[in-house]
Amino acid sequence: MKDSKNILPIKTYNASKDKSLICTENKNKSGIYRWNNLIRGKSYVGSSKCLDLVFITLKKQCLISWALE
């Protein structure tokens, strides 16, 4: 996405530090999410009807690091 710098997030988390907070605040919520690799400058965008389950699944399967390589 060329203009991705113009998109402002509603909420920002640090995936390393905010693991439990991410699941707690997004329990039973639907939405669009974006994971950013700040080192490589790549990102992954997805959506779900149940965000907390997506974050748990992504964490367990290590899809975040795979998608951003």
Protein backbone atom coordinates (compact mmCIF):
# COMPACT_ATOMS: atom_id res chain seq x y z
CA MET A 1 0.00 0.00 0.00
CA LYS A 2 1.64 3.21 -1.16
CA ASP A 3 -0.12 5.56 1.27
CA SER A 4 0.11 3.34 4.36
CA LYS A 5 1.89 6.10 6.28
CA ASN A 6 -1.33 8.15 6.11
CA ILE A 7 -3.37 5.46 7.89
CA LEU A 8 -3.71 6.16 11.61
CA PRO A 9 -4.42 3.24 13.93
CA ILE A 10 -7.14 3.37 16.57
CA LYS A 11 -4.99 1.34 18.96
CA THR A 12 -1.31 0.41 18.89
CA TYR A 13 0.34 -2.44 20.81
CA ASN A 14 3.85 -3.73 21.30
CA ALA A 15 3.42 -7.43 20.48
CA SER A 16 6.37 -8.43 22.69
CA LYS A 17 5.21 -6.56 25.77
CA ASP A 18 1.41 -6.43 25.44
CA LYS A 19 0.51 -10.09 24.70
CA SER A 20 -2.11 -10.51 27.43
CA LEU A 21 -3.44 -6.96 26.99
CA ILE A 22 -4.02 -7.59 23.27
CA CYS A 23 -6.22 -10.60 24.02
CA THR A 24 -8.00 -8.98 26.97
CA GLU A 25 -8.91 -5.75 25.17
CA ASN A 26 -9.98 -7.53 21.98
CA LYS A 27 -11.96 -10.42 23.48
CA ASN A 28 -15.15 -11.06 21.48
CA LYS A 29 -14.48 -8.06 19.23
CA SER A 30 -14.34 -8.01 15.45
CA GLY A 31 -12.09 -5.79 13.40
CA ILE A 32 -9.21 -5.24 11.04
CA TYR A 33 -5.66 -5.58 12.29
CA ARG A 34 -2.21 -4.85 10.91
CA TRP A 35 1.11 -6.27 12.10
CA ASN A 36 4.15 -4.13 11.24
CA ASN A 37 7.73 -5.33 11.03
CA LEU A 38 9.58 -2.18 12.05
CA ILE A 39 12.95 -3.60 10.99
CA ARG A 40 12.03 -4.74 7.46
CA GLY A 41 9.26 -2.20 6.82
CA LYS A 42 6.75 -4.89 5.86
CA SER A 43 3.24 -5.41 7.19
CA TYR A 44 0.44 -7.98 7.29
CA VAL A 45 -3.24 -6.96 7.23
CA GLY A 46 -6.11 -9.20 8.25
CA SER A 47 -9.62 -9.17 9.67
CA SER A 48 -11.64 -11.36 12.01
CA LYS A 49 -14.96 -11.69 13.78
CA CYS A 50 -13.08 -12.69 16.94
CA LEU A 51 -9.79 -10.78 17.25
CA ASP A 52 -8.55 -12.37 20.47
CA LEU A 53 -8.61 -15.85 18.90
CA VAL A 54 -6.71 -14.59 15.86
CA PHE A 55 -3.93 -13.16 18.03
CA ILE A 56 -3.67 -16.39 20.02
CA THR A 57 -3.56 -18.48 16.83
CA LEU A 58 -1.01 -16.24 15.13
CA LYS A 59 1.21 -16.33 18.19
CA LYS A 60 1.04 -20.12 18.47
CA GLN A 61 1.69 -20.77 14.80
CA CYS A 62 4.38 -18.06 14.44
CA LEU A 63 2.58 -16.78 11.35
CA ILE A 64 3.46 -13.23 12.23
CA SER A 65 7.17 -13.72 11.68
CA TRP A 66 6.53 -15.84 8.56
CA ALA A 67 4.23 -13.23 7.02
CA LEU A 68 6.65 -10.38 7.66
CA GLU A 69 9.87 -12.03 6.39
